[in-house]
């Protein structure tokens, strides 16, 4: 499966390591942390710039793969 990487900014932190992210194109999506980011307890706060991996099947959800 092919994932598209998109940059965005975290606008809101939600329970269960989920976040609202505003993408470069203006869309707002729901994103969750990858397993490695949870494992190493990498903190994500509102205002952080992140890279989100998205599948072509669901344009409303993504996976945060990198901070910064």
Protein backbone atom coordinates (compact mmCIF):
# COMPACT_ATOMS: atom_id res chain seq x y z
CA UNK A 1 0.00 0.00 0.00
CA UNK A 2 1.32 3.41 -0.89
CA UNK A 3 1.28 6.22 1.66
CA UNK A 4 1.44 9.91 0.84
CA UNK A 5 3.41 12.10 3.24
CA UNK A 6 1.86 15.49 3.98
CA UNK A 7 3.06 18.24 6.31
CA UNK A 8 0.77 19.92 8.80
CA UNK A 9 0.43 21.63 12.17
CA UNK A 10 -1.22 20.12 15.25
CA UNK A 11 -4.19 22.25 16.29
CA UNK A 12 -5.66 20.15 19.12
CA UNK A 13 -4.59 17.25 21.33
CA UNK A 14 -7.34 14.67 21.93
CA UNK A 15 -7.48 11.67 24.30
CA UNK A 16 -5.82 8.36 23.41
CA UNK A 17 -2.87 9.97 21.52
CA UNK A 18 -5.05 11.37 18.76
CA UNK A 19 -4.67 14.84 17.32
CA UNK A 20 -6.41 17.30 15.01
CA UNK A 21 -3.97 18.35 12.32
CA UNK A 22 -4.36 21.20 9.81
CA UNK A 23 -2.63 20.17 6.59
CA UNK A 24 -0.79 22.47 4.19
CA UNK A 25 -3.76 22.50 1.81
CA UNK A 26 -6.10 23.72 4.59
CA UNK A 27 -7.89 20.46 5.34
CA UNK A 28 -8.27 19.40 8.94
CA UNK A 29 -7.89 15.68 9.72
CA UNK A 30 -7.77 13.32 12.67
CA UNK A 31 -4.34 11.73 13.17
CA UNK A 32 -2.84 9.25 15.60
CA UNK A 33 0.75 8.47 16.62
CA UNK A 34 2.76 5.62 15.14
CA UNK A 35 3.81 2.79 17.41
CA UNK A 36 7.47 3.86 17.56
CA UNK A 37 6.50 7.38 18.61
CA UNK A 38 4.36 5.91 21.40
CA UNK A 39 7.11 3.49 22.40
CA UNK A 40 9.74 6.22 22.76
CA UNK A 41 7.20 8.64 24.28
CA UNK A 42 7.77 11.43 21.79
CA UNK A 43 5.64 14.36 22.91
CA UNK A 44 3.39 16.17 20.47
CA UNK A 45 1.86 19.48 21.51
CA UNK A 46 -0.54 21.87 19.76
CA UNK A 47 1.49 24.10 17.45
CA UNK A 48 4.05 21.41 16.53
CA UNK A 49 4.70 20.83 12.85
CA UNK A 50 4.36 17.16 11.91
CA UNK A 51 4.56 14.84 8.92
CA UNK A 52 1.45 12.73 8.38
CA UNK A 53 1.25 9.52 6.34
CA UNK A 54 -2.09 9.11 4.58
CA UNK A 55 -3.56 6.32 2.48
CA UNK A 56 -5.49 7.06 -0.70
CA UNK A 57 -8.54 5.30 0.81
CA UNK A 58 -9.31 7.65 3.71
CA UNK A 59 -8.76 11.39 3.32
CA UNK A 60 -10.04 12.23 6.82
CA UNK A 61 -7.50 10.24 8.88
CA UNK A 62 -3.75 9.89 9.01
CA UNK A 63 -0.80 8.67 11.02
CA UNK A 64 1.78 11.04 12.51
CA UNK A 65 5.17 9.65 11.52
CA UNK A 66 7.48 12.56 12.38
CA UNK A 67 7.61 15.71 14.47
CA UNK A 68 9.44 18.81 13.28
